[in-house]
Amino acid sequence: MAGFEKHLFICTNERDDSAVRPSCLPKGGKKLKSAFKDAIKDAGLKHHIRANEAGCLDQCEHGPVVVVYPEVVWYGFVKVTDVGEIVNEHLLHGRPVERLRLPESCLNTEHCPHRHEKSKG
């Protein structure tokens, strides 16, 4: 069998409630992983695309976060209700879902406006 064409990494990191930065698990990270696995299977992509649980992806203020490789498309504030759209539009048809895509200006920078907001839960 050939390798996977794409990998999704879904943050399921959990921090203590007293942590300065939020975490993805309490915002639905585990449910997202399950939803992606089911949607990928239902779309007939099980042997082509792999949904992986990940630890911290360091985009905590944008959680839950999903990144798709090899395209390196970062999605933020992803909800279970967004999974079908991501699978259909991005994984099946190659069109990233722009409304969920994190802007380059928010990736790996201290200057993102979300970076200093405390999680609202």
PDB file of N, CA and C in Angstrom:
ATOM      1  N   MET A   1       0.842  -1.181   0.000  1.00  0.00           N
ATOM      2  CA  MET A   1       0.000   0.000   0.000  1.00  0.00           C
ATOM      3  C   MET A   1       0.889   1.246   0.000  1.00  0.00           C
ATOM      4  N   ALA A   2       0.544   2.217  -0.799  1.00  0.00           N
ATOM      5  CA  ALA A   2       1.284   3.477  -0.844  1.00  0.00           C
ATOM      6  C   ALA A   2       1.042   4.268   0.431  1.00  0.00           C
ATOM      7  N   GLY A   3       1.912   5.244   0.677  1.00  0.00           N
ATOM      8  CA  GLY A   3       1.752   6.098   1.842  1.00  0.00           C
ATOM      9  C   GLY A   3       0.521   6.977   1.718  1.00  0.00           C
ATOM     10  N   PHE A   4       0.184   7.622   2.808  1.00  0.00           N
ATOM     11  CA  PHE A   4      -0.967   8.530   2.805  1.00  0.00           C
ATOM     12  C   PHE A   4      -0.659   9.781   1.988  1.00  0.00           C
ATOM     13  N   GLU A   5      -1.669  10.290   1.298  1.00  0.00           N
ATOM     14  CA  GLU A   5      -1.523  11.508   0.503  1.00  0.00           C
ATOM     15  C   GLU A   5      -1.541  12.750   1.379  1.00  0.00           C
ATOM     16  N   LYS A   6      -2.329  12.696   2.452  1.00  0.00           N
ATOM     17  CA  LYS A   6      -2.463  13.842   3.356  1.00  0.00           C
ATOM     18  C   LYS A   6      -2.539  13.336   4.793  1.00  0.00           C
ATOM     19  N   HIS A   7      -2.107  14.206   5.681  1.00  0.00           N
ATOM     20  CA  HIS A   7      -2.244  13.960   7.115  1.00  0.00           C
ATOM     21  C   HIS A   7      -2.911  15.170   7.745  1.00  0.00           C
ATOM     22  N   LEU A   8      -3.875  14.910   8.604  1.00  0.00           N
ATOM     23  CA  LEU A   8      -4.470  15.958   9.430  1.00  0.00           C
ATOM     24  C   LEU A   8      -3.952  15.758  10.837  1.00  0.00           C
ATOM     25  N   PHE A   9      -3.503  16.825  11.449  1.00  0.00           N
ATOM     26  CA  PHE A   9      -3.095  16.784  12.848  1.00  0.00           C
ATOM     27  C   PHE A   9      -4.092  17.626  13.625  1.00  0.00           C
ATOM     28  N   ILE A  10      -4.742  16.991  14.578  1.00  0.00           N
ATOM     29  CA  ILE A  10      -5.788  17.635  15.372  1.00  0.00           C
ATOM     30  C   ILE A  10      -5.276  17.770  16.790  1.00  0.00           C
ATOM     31  N   CYS A  11      -5.184  18.996  17.265  1.00  0.00           N
ATOM     32  CA  CYS A  11      -4.657  19.215  18.609  1.00  0.00           C
ATOM     33  C   CYS A  11      -5.640  18.690  19.656  1.00  0.00           C
ATOM     34  N   THR A  12      -5.100  17.879  20.564  1.00  0.00           N
ATOM     35  CA  THR A  12      -5.892  17.384  21.691  1.00  0.00           C
ATOM     36  C   THR A  12      -5.159  17.676  23.009  1.00  0.00           C
ATOM     37  N   ASN A  13      -4.311  18.678  22.981  1.00  0.00           N
ATOM     38  CA  ASN A  13      -3.539  19.033  24.173  1.00  0.00           C
ATOM     39  C   ASN A  13      -4.460  19.540  25.276  1.00  0.00           C
ATOM     40  N   GLU A  14      -4.096  19.214  26.515  1.00  0.00           N
ATOM     41  CA  GLU A  14      -4.858  19.679  27.671  1.00  0.00           C
ATOM     42  C   GLU A  14      -3.919  20.297  28.686  1.00  0.00           C
ATOM     43  N   ARG A  15      -4.267  21.497  29.105  1.00  0.00           N
ATOM     44  CA  ARG A  15      -3.522  22.190  30.150  1.00  0.00           C
ATOM     45  C   ARG A  15      -4.409  22.337  31.377  1.00  0.00           C
ATOM     46  N   ASP A  16      -3.776  22.593  32.481  1.00  0.00           N
ATOM     47  CA  ASP A  16      -4.490  22.880  33.713  1.00  0.00           C
ATOM     48  C   ASP A  16      -5.281  24.176  33.532  1.00  0.00           C
ATOM     49  N   ASP A  17      -6.421  24.289  34.194  1.00  0.00           N
ATOM     50  CA  ASP A  17      -7.263  25.490  34.090  1.00  0.00           C
ATOM     51  C   ASP A  17      -6.527  26.768  34.481  1.00  0.00           C
ATOM     52  N   SER A  18      -5.505  26.657  35.296  1.00  0.00           N
ATOM     53  CA  SER A  18      -4.775  27.846  35.742  1.00  0.00           C
ATOM     54  C   SER A  18      -3.701  28.291  34.744  1.00  0.00           C
ATOM     55  N   ALA A  19      -3.504  27.546  33.656  1.00  0.00           N
ATOM     56  CA  ALA A  19      -2.479  27.885  32.666  1.00  0.00           C
ATOM     57  C   ALA A  19      -2.783  29.224  31.997  1.00  0.00           C
ATOM     58  N   VAL A  20      -1.735  29.916  31.619  1.00  0.00           N
ATOM     59  CA  VAL A  20      -1.869  31.214  30.955  1.00  0.00           C
ATOM     60  C   VAL A  20      -2.495  31.066  29.571  1.00  0.00           C
ATOM     61  N   ARG A  21      -2.117  30.011  28.853  1.00  0.00           N
ATOM     62  CA  ARG A  21      -2.644  29.792  27.513  1.00  0.00           C
ATOM     63  C   ARG A  21      -3.719  28.716  27.556  1.00  0.00           C
ATOM     64  N   PRO A  22      -4.718  28.813  26.696  1.00  0.00           N
ATOM     65  CA  PRO A  22      -5.791  27.810  26.659  1.00  0.00           C
ATOM     66  C   PRO A  22      -5.299  26.513  26.018  1.00  0.00           C
ATOM     67  N   SER A  23      -6.142  25.512  26.018  1.00  0.00           N
ATOM     68  CA  SER A  23      -5.798  24.254  25.348  1.00  0.00           C
ATOM     69  C   SER A  23      -6.978  23.766  24.523  1.00  0.00           C
ATOM     70  N   CYS A  24      -6.694  22.879  23.594  1.00  0.00           N
ATOM     71  CA  CYS A  24      -7.698  22.444  22.618  1.00  0.00           C
ATOM     72  C   CYS A  24      -8.623  21.342  23.116  1.00  0.00           C
ATOM     73  N   LEU A  25      -8.154  20.481  24.001  1.00  0.00           N
ATOM     74  CA  LEU A  25      -8.984  19.355  24.420  1.00  0.00           C
ATOM     75  C   LEU A  25     -10.329  19.795  24.988  1.00  0.00           C
ATOM     76  N   PRO A  26     -10.358  20.735  25.943  1.00  0.00           N
ATOM     77  CA  PRO A  26     -11.663  21.128  26.489  1.00  0.00           C
ATOM     78  C   PRO A  26     -12.563  21.845  25.482  1.00  0.00           C
ATOM     79  N   LYS A  27     -11.991  22.285  24.382  1.00  0.00           N
ATOM     80  CA  LYS A  27     -12.772  22.963  23.346  1.00  0.00           C
ATOM     81  C   LYS A  27     -13.248  21.990  22.266  1.00  0.00           C
ATOM     82  N   GLY A  28     -13.000  20.694  22.469  1.00  0.00           N
ATOM     83  CA  GLY A  28     -13.531  19.699  21.534  1.00  0.00           C
ATOM     84  C   GLY A  28     -12.520  18.964  20.695  1.00  0.00           C
ATOM     85  N   GLY A  29     -11.245  19.001  21.052  1.00  0.00           N
ATOM     86  CA  GLY A  29     -10.214  18.346  20.251  1.00  0.00           C
ATOM     87  C   GLY A  29     -10.452  16.867  20.005  1.00  0.00           C
ATOM     88  N   LYS A  30     -10.821  16.116  21.034  1.00  0.00           N
ATOM     89  CA  LYS A  30     -11.051  14.664  20.878  1.00  0.00           C
ATOM     90  C   LYS A  30     -12.262  14.392  19.991  1.00  0.00           C
ATOM     91  N   LYS A  31     -13.324  15.175  20.167  1.00  0.00           N
ATOM     92  CA  LYS A  31     -14.521  14.992  19.335  1.00  0.00           C
ATOM     93  C   LYS A  31     -14.201  15.282  17.869  1.00  0.00           C
ATOM     94  N   LEU A  32     -13.336  16.265  17.647  1.00  0.00           N
ATOM     95  CA  LEU A  32     -12.927  16.574  16.275  1.00  0.00           C
ATOM     96  C   LEU A  32     -12.203  15.393  15.642  1.00  0.00           C
ATOM     97  N   LYS A  33     -11.298  14.799  16.394  1.00  0.00           N
ATOM     98  CA  LYS A  33     -10.556  13.661  15.841  1.00  0.00           C
ATOM     99  C   LYS A  33     -11.521  12.561  15.418  1.00  0.00           C
ATOM    100  N   SER A  34     -12.455  12.216  16.279  1.00  0.00           N
ATOM    101  CA  SER A  34     -13.441  11.181  15.952  1.00  0.00           C
ATOM    102  C   SER A  34     -14.272  11.562  14.735  1.00  0.00           C
ATOM    103  N   ALA A  35     -14.717  12.808  14.698  1.00  0.00           N
ATOM    104  CA  ALA A  35     -15.535  13.282  13.582  1.00  0.00           C
ATOM    105  C   ALA A  35     -14.748  13.229  12.269  1.00  0.00           C
ATOM    106  N   PHE A  36     -13.483  13.633  12.302  1.00  0.00           N
ATOM    107  CA  PHE A  36     -12.671  13.577  11.089  1.00  0.00           C
ATOM    108  C   PHE A  36     -12.462  12.136  10.642  1.00  0.00           C
ATOM    109  N   LYS A  37     -12.164  11.246  11.571  1.00  0.00           N
ATOM    110  CA  LYS A  37     -11.954   9.841  11.205  1.00  0.00           C
ATOM    111  C   LYS A  37     -13.209   9.267  10.548  1.00  0.00           C
ATOM    112  N   ASP A  38     -14.366   9.546  11.125  1.00  0.00           N
ATOM    113  CA  ASP A  38     -15.625   9.058  10.554  1.00  0.00           C
ATOM    114  C   ASP A  38     -15.899   9.671   9.184  1.00  0.00           C
ATOM    115  N   ALA A  39     -15.709  10.979   9.061  1.00  0.00           N
ATOM    116  CA  ALA A  39     -15.997  11.661   7.789  1.00  0.00           C
ATOM    117  C   ALA A  39     -15.031  11.221   6.689  1.00  0.00           C
ATOM    118  N   ILE A  40     -13.778  11.003   7.049  1.00  0.00           N
ATOM    119  CA  ILE A  40     -12.790  10.527   6.074  1.00  0.00           C
ATOM    120  C   ILE A  40     -13.164   9.127   5.591  1.00  0.00           C
ATOM    121  N   LYS A  41     -13.557   8.281   6.511  1.00  0.00           N
ATOM    122  CA  LYS A  41     -13.985   6.925   6.148  1.00  0.00           C
ATOM    123  C   LYS A  41     -15.226   6.970   5.256  1.00  0.00           C
ATOM    124  N   ASP A  42     -16.226   7.780   5.662  1.00  0.00           N
ATOM    125  CA  ASP A  42     -17.472   7.892   4.897  1.00  0.00           C
ATOM    126  C   ASP A  42     -17.244   8.433   3.484  1.00  0.00           C
ATOM    127  N   ALA A  43     -16.214   9.259   3.319  1.00  0.00           N
ATOM    128  CA  ALA A  43     -15.901   9.840   2.009  1.00  0.00           C
ATOM    129  C   ALA A  43     -15.057   8.889   1.150  1.00  0.00           C
ATOM    130  N   GLY A  44     -14.734   7.720   1.697  1.00  0.00           N
ATOM    131  CA  GLY A  44     -13.939   6.758   0.947  1.00  0.00           C
ATOM    132  C   GLY A  44     -12.461   7.101   0.884  1.00  0.00           C
ATOM    133  N   LEU A  45     -12.004   7.897   1.848  1.00  0.00           N
ATOM    134  CA  LEU A  45     -10.619   8.373   1.838  1.00  0.00           C
ATOM    135  C   LEU A  45      -9.726   7.698   2.870  1.00  0.00           C
ATOM    136  N   LYS A  46     -10.250   6.686   3.539  1.00  0.00           N
ATOM    137  CA  LYS A  46      -9.551   6.063   4.672  1.00  0.00           C
ATOM    138  C   LYS A  46      -8.119   5.639   4.349  1.00  0.00           C
ATOM    139  N   HIS A  47      -7.858   5.141   3.168  1.00  0.00           N
ATOM    140  CA  HIS A  47      -6.523   4.664   2.827  1.00  0.00           C
ATOM    141  C   HIS A  47      -5.664   5.733   2.151  1.00  0.00           C
ATOM    142  N   HIS A  48      -6.206   6.948   2.069  1.00  0.00           N
ATOM    143  CA  HIS A  48      -5.483   8.041   1.410  1.00  0.00           C
ATOM    144  C   HIS A  48      -5.158   9.187   2.362  1.00  0.00           C
ATOM    145  N   ILE A  49      -5.993   9.350   3.374  1.00  0.00           N
ATOM    146  CA  ILE A  49      -5.839  10.482   4.295  1.00  0.00           C
ATOM    147  C   ILE A  49      -5.901   9.954   5.718  1.00  0.00           C
ATOM    148  N   ARG A  50      -5.007  10.443   6.550  1.00  0.00           N
ATOM    149  CA  ARG A  50      -4.927   9.993   7.940  1.00  0.00           C
ATOM    150  C   ARG A  50      -5.187  11.150   8.886  1.00  0.00           C
ATOM    151  N   ALA A  51      -6.114  10.953   9.815  1.00  0.00           N
ATOM    152  CA  ALA A  51      -6.387  11.941  10.881  1.00  0.00           C
ATOM    153  C   ALA A  51      -5.612  11.509  12.114  1.00  0.00           C
ATOM    154  N   ASN A  52      -4.733  12.376  12.577  1.00  0.00           N
ATOM    155  CA  ASN A  52      -3.861  12.074  13.702  1.00  0.00           C
ATOM    156  C   ASN A  52      -4.131  12.989  14.879  1.00  0.00           C
ATOM    157  N   GLU A  53      -4.144  12.411  16.050  1.00  0.00           N
ATOM    158  CA  GLU A  53      -4.212  13.188  17.287  1.00  0.00           C
ATOM    159  C   GLU A  53      -2.826  13.779  17.532  1.00  0.00           C
ATOM    160  N   ALA A  54      -2.779  15.046  17.913  1.00  0.00           N
ATOM    161  CA  ALA A  54      -1.490  15.695  18.168  1.00  0.00           C
ATOM    162  C   ALA A  54      -1.491  16.358  19.537  1.00  0.00           C
ATOM    163  N   GLY A  55      -0.312  16.478  20.089  1.00  0.00           N
ATOM    164  CA  GLY A  55      -0.134  17.282  21.280  1.00  0.00           C
ATOM    165  C   GLY A  55      -0.182  18.749  20.863  1.00  0.00           C
ATOM    166  N   CYS A  56       0.361  19.596  21.676  1.00  0.00           N
ATOM    167  CA  CYS A  56       0.305  21.034  21.419  1.00  0.00           C
ATOM    168  C   CYS A  56       0.937  21.394  20.076  1.00  0.00           C
ATOM    169  N   LEU A  57       0.206  22.156  19.283  1.00  0.00           N
ATOM    170  CA  LEU A  57       0.693  22.656  17.999  1.00  0.00           C
ATOM    171  C   LEU A  57       1.094  24.128  18.098  1.00  0.00           C
ATOM    172  N   ASP A  58       1.073  24.657  19.322  1.00  0.00           N
ATOM    173  CA  ASP A  58       1.491  26.024  19.645  1.00  0.00           C
ATOM    174  C   ASP A  58       0.665  27.100  18.937  1.00  0.00           C
ATOM    175  N   GLN A  59      -0.594  26.801  18.724  1.00  0.00           N
ATOM    176  CA  GLN A  59      -1.549  27.777  18.193  1.00  0.00           C
ATOM    177  C   GLN A  59      -2.735  27.828  19.151  1.00  0.00           C
ATOM    178  N   CYS A  60      -2.431  27.791  20.426  1.00  0.00           N
ATOM    179  CA  CYS A  60      -3.403  27.565  21.502  1.00  0.00           C
ATOM    180  C   CYS A  60      -4.580  28.535  21.498  1.00  0.00           C
ATOM    181  N   GLU A  61      -4.336  29.768  21.182  1.00  0.00           N
ATOM    182  CA  GLU A  61      -5.401  30.771  21.201  1.00  0.00           C
ATOM    183  C   GLU A  61      -6.379  30.608  20.046  1.00  0.00           C
ATOM    184  N   HIS A  62      -6.068  29.736  19.113  1.00  0.00           N
ATOM    185  CA  HIS A  62      -6.913  29.504  17.947  1.00  0.00           C
ATOM    186  C   HIS A  62      -7.649  28.177  18.020  1.00  0.00           C
ATOM    187  N   GLY A  63      -7.627  27.552  19.171  1.00  0.00           N
ATOM    188  CA  GLY A  63      -8.127  26.191  19.290  1.00  0.00           C
ATOM    189  C   GLY A  63      -9.627  26.047  19.275  1.00  0.00           C
ATOM    190  N   PRO A  64     -10.042  24.856  18.916  1.00  0.00           N
ATOM    191  CA  PRO A  64      -9.236  23.741  18.471  1.00  0.00           C
ATOM    192  C   PRO A  64      -8.608  23.998  17.101  1.00  0.00           C
ATOM    193  N   VAL A  65      -7.401  23.478  16.951  1.00  0.00           N
ATOM    194  CA  VAL A  65      -6.606  23.711  15.751  1.00  0.00           C
ATOM    195  C   VAL A  65      -6.417  22.404  14.994  1.00  0.00           C
ATOM    196  N   VAL A  66      -6.456  22.515  13.666  1.00  0.00           N
ATOM    197  CA  VAL A  66      -6.200  21.390  12.764  1.00  0.00           C
ATOM    198  C   VAL A  66      -5.235  21.892  11.699  1.00  0.00           C
ATOM    199  N   VAL A  67      -4.223  21.090  11.383  1.00  0.00           N
ATOM    200  CA  VAL A  67      -3.321  21.438  10.289  1.00  0.00           C
ATOM    201  C   VAL A  67      -3.302  20.267   9.309  1.00  0.00           C
ATOM    202  N   VAL A  68      -3.333  20.600   8.010  1.00  0.00           N
ATOM    203  CA  VAL A  68      -3.346  19.597   6.951  1.00  0.00           C
ATOM    204  C   VAL A  68      -2.012  19.651   6.214  1.00  0.00           C
ATOM    205  N   TYR A  69      -1.360  18.492   6.160  1.00  0.00           N
ATOM    206  CA  TYR A  69      -0.111  18.361   5.421  1.00  0.00           C
ATOM    207  C   TYR A  69      -0.325  17.415   4.255  1.00  0.00           C
ATOM    208  N   PRO A  70       0.328  17.617   3.111  1.00  0.00           N
ATOM    209  CA  PRO A  70       1.531  18.417   2.930  1.00  0.00           C
ATOM    210  C   PRO A  70       1.293  19.883   2.584  1.00  0.00           C
ATOM    211  N   GLU A  71       0.043  20.314   2.462  1.00  0.00           N
ATOM    212  CA  GLU A  71      -0.219  21.701   2.060  1.00  0.00           C
ATOM    213  C   GLU A  71       0.121  22.726   3.129  1.00  0.00           C
ATOM    214  N   VAL A  72       0.199  22.320   4.377  1.00  0.00           N
ATOM    215  CA  VAL A  72       0.437  23.194   5.522  1.00  0.00           C
ATOM    216  C   VAL A  72      -0.671  24.246   5.614  1.00  0.00           C
ATOM    217  N   VAL A  73      -1.897  23.768   5.625  1.00  0.00           N
ATOM    218  CA  VAL A  73      -3.063  24.636   5.799  1.00  0.00           C
ATOM    219  C   VAL A  73      -3.506  24.520   7.255  1.00  0.00           C
ATOM    220  N   TRP A  74      -3.502  25.654   7.940  1.00  0.00           N
ATOM    221  CA  TRP A  74      -3.883  25.705   9.353  1.00  0.00           C
ATOM    222  C   TRP A  74      -5.317  26.193   9.480  1.00  0.00           C
ATOM    223  N   TYR A  75      -6.113  25.428  10.232  1.00  0.00           N
ATOM    224  CA  TYR A  75      -7.487  25.820  10.534  1.00  0.00           C
ATOM    225  C   TYR A  75      -7.592  26.095  12.030  1.00  0.00           C
ATOM    226  N   GLY A  76      -8.347  27.140  12.363  1.00  0.00           N
ATOM    227  CA  GLY A  76      -8.534  27.483  13.767  1.00  0.00           C
ATOM    228  C   GLY A  76      -9.995  27.612  14.131  1.00  0.00           C
ATOM    229  N   PHE A  77     -10.252  27.475  15.413  1.00  0.00           N
ATOM    230  CA  PHE A  77     -11.600  27.584  15.973  1.00  0.00           C
ATOM    231  C   PHE A  77     -12.539  26.570  15.308  1.00  0.00           C
ATOM    232  N   VAL A  78     -12.010  25.376  15.021  1.00  0.00           N
ATOM    233  CA  VAL A  78     -12.755  24.346  14.299  1.00  0.00           C
ATOM    234  C   VAL A  78     -13.768  23.677  15.221  1.00  0.00           C
ATOM    235  N   LYS A  79     -14.970  23.503  14.705  1.00  0.00           N
ATOM    236  CA  LYS A  79     -16.051  22.829  15.424  1.00  0.00           C
ATOM    237  C   LYS A  79     -16.396  21.534  14.689  1.00  0.00           C
ATOM    238  N   VAL A  80     -17.016  20.621  15.394  1.00  0.00           N
ATOM    239  CA  VAL A  80     -17.432  19.357  14.776  1.00  0.00           C
ATOM    240  C   VAL A  80     -18.313  19.630  13.557  1.00  0.00           C
ATOM    241  N   THR A  81     -19.104  20.681  13.620  1.00  0.00           N
ATOM    242  CA  THR A  81     -19.982  21.018  12.492  1.00  0.00           C
ATOM    243  C   THR A  81     -19.211  21.495  11.258  1.00  0.00           C
ATOM    244  N   ASP A  82     -17.920  21.782  11.399  1.00  0.00           N
ATOM    245  CA  ASP A  82     -17.082  22.212  10.272  1.00  0.00           C
ATOM    246  C   ASP A  82     -16.414  21.038   9.560  1.00  0.00           C
ATOM    247  N   VAL A  83     -16.410  19.879  10.190  1.00  0.00           N
ATOM    248  CA  VAL A  83     -15.660  18.732   9.676  1.00  0.00           C
ATOM    249  C   VAL A  83     -16.112  18.334   8.276  1.00  0.00           C
ATOM    250  N   GLY A  84     -17.392  18.216   8.055  1.00  0.00           N
ATOM    251  CA  GLY A  84     -17.900  17.822   6.738  1.00  0.00           C
ATOM    252  C   GLY A  84     -17.455  18.769   5.643  1.00  0.00           C
ATOM    253  N   GLU A  85     -17.487  20.048   5.922  1.00  0.00           N
ATOM    254  CA  GLU A  85     -17.063  21.043   4.934  1.00  0.00           C
ATOM    255  C   GLU A  85     -15.571  20.912   4.625  1.00  0.00           C
ATOM    256  N   ILE A  86     -14.753  20.717   5.659  1.00  0.00           N
ATOM    257  CA  ILE A  86     -13.313  20.556   5.434  1.00  0.00           C
ATOM    258  C   ILE A  86     -13.039  19.298   4.618  1.00  0.00           C
ATOM    259  N   VAL A  87     -13.699  18.205   4.960  1.00  0.00           N
ATOM    260  CA  VAL A  87     -13.484  16.957   4.224  1.00  0.00           C
ATOM    261  C   VAL A  87     -13.948  17.109   2.780  1.00  0.00           C
ATOM    262  N   ASN A  88     -15.143  17.635   2.572  1.00  0.00           N
ATOM    263  CA  ASN A  88     -15.672  17.776   1.212  1.00  0.00           C
ATOM    264  C   ASN A  88     -14.879  18.782   0.386  1.00  0.00           C
ATOM    265  N   GLU A  89     -14.712  19.963   0.904  1.00  0.00           N
ATOM    266  CA  GLU A  89     -14.064  21.026   0.124  1.00  0.00           C
ATOM    267  C   GLU A  89     -12.556  20.826   0.002  1.00  0.00           C
ATOM    268  N   HIS A  90     -11.887  20.632   1.119  1.00  0.00           N
ATOM    269  CA  HIS A  90     -10.428  20.577   1.086  1.00  0.00           C
ATOM    270  C   HIS A  90      -9.900  19.191   0.716  1.00  0.00           C
ATOM    271  N   LEU A  91     -10.328  18.177   1.451  1.00  0.00           N
ATOM    272  CA  LEU A  91      -9.740  16.863   1.247  1.00  0.00           C
ATOM    273  C   LEU A  91     -10.206  16.190  -0.044  1.00  0.00           C
ATOM    274  N   LEU A  92     -11.460  16.366  -0.400  1.00  0.00           N
ATOM    275  CA  LEU A  92     -11.966  15.763  -1.641  1.00  0.00           C
ATOM    276  C   LEU A  92     -11.687  16.618  -2.871  1.00  0.00           C
ATOM    277  N   HIS A  93     -11.849  17.941  -2.738  1.00  0.00           N
ATOM    278  CA  HIS A  93     -11.774  18.808  -3.919  1.00  0.00           C
ATOM    279  C   HIS A  93     -10.596  19.773  -3.950  1.00  0.00           C
ATOM    280  N   GLY A  94      -9.731  19.720  -2.929  1.00  0.00           N
ATOM    281  CA  GLY A  94      -8.514  20.534  -2.963  1.00  0.00           C
ATOM    282  C   GLY A  94      -8.704  22.018  -2.752  1.00  0.00           C
ATOM    283  N   ARG A  95      -9.851  22.406  -2.171  1.00  0.00           N
ATOM    284  CA  ARG A  95     -10.131  23.828  -1.935  1.00  0.00           C
ATOM    285  C   ARG A  95     -10.163  24.087  -0.427  1.00  0.00           C
ATOM    286  N   PRO A  96      -9.100  24.657   0.138  1.00  0.00           N
ATOM    287  CA  PRO A  96      -9.124  24.950   1.568  1.00  0.00           C
ATOM    288  C   PRO A  96     -10.327  25.821   1.940  1.00  0.00           C
ATOM    289  N   VAL A  97     -10.832  25.607   3.133  1.00  0.00           N
ATOM    290  CA  VAL A  97     -11.997  26.352   3.633  1.00  0.00           C
ATOM    291  C   VAL A  97     -11.478  27.663   4.213  1.00  0.00           C
ATOM    292  N   GLU A  98     -11.565  28.714   3.424  1.00  0.00           N
ATOM    293  CA  GLU A  98     -10.963  30.004   3.782  1.00  0.00           C
ATOM    294  C   GLU A  98     -11.528  30.606   5.061  1.00  0.00           C
ATOM    295  N   ARG A  99     -12.806  30.409   5.333  1.00  0.00           N
ATOM    296  CA  ARG A  99     -13.402  31.028   6.521  1.00  0.00           C
ATOM    297  C   ARG A  99     -12.826  30.463   7.824  1.00  0.00           C
ATOM    298  N   LEU A 100     -12.215  29.285   7.757  1.00  0.00           N
ATOM    299  CA  LEU A 100     -11.621  28.656   8.942  1.00  0.00           C
ATOM    300  C   LEU A 100     -10.094  28.731   8.951  1.00  0.00           C
ATOM    301  N   ARG A 101      -9.542  29.143   7.848  1.00  0.00           N
ATOM    302  CA  ARG A 101      -8.085  29.165   7.701  1.00  0.00           C
ATOM    303  C   ARG A 101      -7.474  30.264   8.562  1.00  0.00           C
ATOM    304  N   LEU A 102      -6.416  29.909   9.291  1.00  0.00           N
ATOM    305  CA  LEU A 102      -5.721  30.910  10.093  1.00  0.00           C
ATOM    306  C   LEU A 102      -4.846  31.755   9.175  1.00  0.00           C
ATOM    307  N   PRO A 103      -4.887  33.068   9.353  1.00  0.00           N
ATOM    308  CA  PRO A 103      -4.037  33.920   8.515  1.00  0.00           C
ATOM    309  C   PRO A 103      -2.560  33.709   8.863  1.00  0.00           C
ATOM    310  N   GLU A 104      -1.720  33.828   7.860  1.00  0.00           N
ATOM    311  CA  GLU A 104      -0.272  33.695   8.074  1.00  0.00           C
ATOM    312  C   GLU A 104       0.205  34.622   9.187  1.00  0.00           C
ATOM    313  N   SER A 105      -0.412  35.781   9.318  1.00  0.00           N
ATOM    314  CA  SER A 105       0.010  36.756  10.322  1.00  0.00           C
ATOM    315  C   SER A 105      -0.252  36.283  11.754  1.00  0.00           C
ATOM    316  N   CYS A 106      -1.030  35.228  11.923  1.00  0.00           N
ATOM    317  CA  CYS A 106      -1.312  34.683  13.254  1.00  0.00           C
ATOM    318  C   CYS A 106      -0.476  33.448  13.592  1.00  0.00           C
ATOM    319  N   LEU A 107       0.259  32.936  12.642  1.00  0.00           N
ATOM    320  CA  LEU A 107       1.018  31.715  12.883  1.00  0.00           C
ATOM    321  C   LEU A 107       2.407  32.025  13.419  1.00  0.00           C
ATOM    322  N   ASN A 108       2.717  31.423  14.545  1.00  0.00           N
ATOM    323  CA  ASN A 108       4.055  31.517  15.149  1.00  0.00           C
ATOM    324  C   ASN A 108       4.538  32.945  15.349  1.00  0.00           C
ATOM    325  N   THR A 109       3.671  33.771  15.881  1.00  0.00           N
ATOM    326  CA  THR A 109       4.041  35.152  16.156  1.00  0.00           C
ATOM    327  C   THR A 109       3.435  35.608  17.475  1.00  0.00           C
ATOM    328  N   GLU A 110       4.126  36.487  18.138  1.00  0.00           N
ATOM    329  CA  GLU A 110       3.612  37.090  19.372  1.00  0.00           C
ATOM    330  C   GLU A 110       2.615  38.202  19.053  1.00  0.00           C
ATOM    331  N   HIS A 111       2.531  38.603  17.801  1.00  0.00           N
ATOM    332  CA  HIS A 111       1.736  39.772  17.430  1.00  0.00           C
ATOM    333  C   HIS A 111       0.313  39.461  16.993  1.00  0.00           C
ATOM    334  N   CYS A 112      -0.069  38.205  17.010  1.00  0.00           N
ATOM    335  CA  CYS A 112      -1.437  37.846  16.662  1.00  0.00           C
ATOM    336  C   CYS A 112      -2.390  38.423  17.703  1.00  0.00           C
ATOM    337  N   PRO A 113      -3.499  39.028  17.281  1.00  0.00           N
ATOM    338  CA  PRO A 113      -4.430  39.617  18.250  1.00  0.00           C
ATOM    339  C   PRO A 113      -5.072  38.587  19.185  1.00  0.00           C
ATOM    340  N   HIS A 114      -5.131  37.341  18.769  1.00  0.00           N
ATOM    341  CA  HIS A 114      -5.706  36.299  19.625  1.00  0.00           C
ATOM    342  C   HIS A 114      -4.753  35.878  20.729  1.00  0.00           C
ATOM    343  N   ARG A 115      -3.483  36.129  20.543  1.00  0.00           N
ATOM    344  CA  ARG A 115      -2.432  35.632  21.434  1.00  0.00           C
ATOM    345  C   ARG A 115      -2.594  36.123  22.865  1.00  0.00           C
ATOM    346  N   HIS A 116      -3.140  37.288  23.043  1.00  0.00           N
ATOM    347  CA  HIS A 116      -3.233  37.861  24.385  1.00  0.00           C
ATOM    348  C   HIS A 116      -4.612  37.790  24.977  1.00  0.00           C
ATOM    349  N   GLU A 117      -5.529  37.134  24.262  1.00  0.00           N
ATOM    350  CA  GLU A 117      -6.874  36.948  24.806  1.00  0.00           C
ATOM    351  C   GLU A 117      -6.902  35.681  25.620  1.00  0.00           C
ATOM    352  N   LYS A 118      -7.473  35.733  26.800  1.00  0.00           N
ATOM    353  CA  LYS A 118      -7.658  34.525  27.613  1.00  0.00           C
ATOM    354  C   LYS A 118      -8.835  33.754  27.021  1.00  0.00           C
ATOM    355  N   SER A 119      -8.741  32.464  27.017  1.00  0.00           N
ATOM    356  CA  SER A 119      -9.811  31.622  26.488  1.00  0.00           C
ATOM    357  C   SER A 119     -11.137  31.948  27.156  1.00  0.00           C
ATOM    358  N   LYS A 120     -12.175  32.010  26.330  1.00  0.00           N
ATOM    359  CA  LYS A 120     -13.501  32.291  26.853  1.00  0.00           C
ATOM    360  C   LYS A 120     -14.267  31.002  27.114  1.00  0.00           C
ATOM    361  N   GLY A 121     -13.601  29.845  26.816  1.00  0.00           N
ATOM    362  CA  GLY A 121     -14.198  28.544  27.082  1.00  0.00           C
ATOM    363  C   GLY A 121     -15.160  28.190  26.061  1.00  0.00           C
TER     364      GLY A 121
END
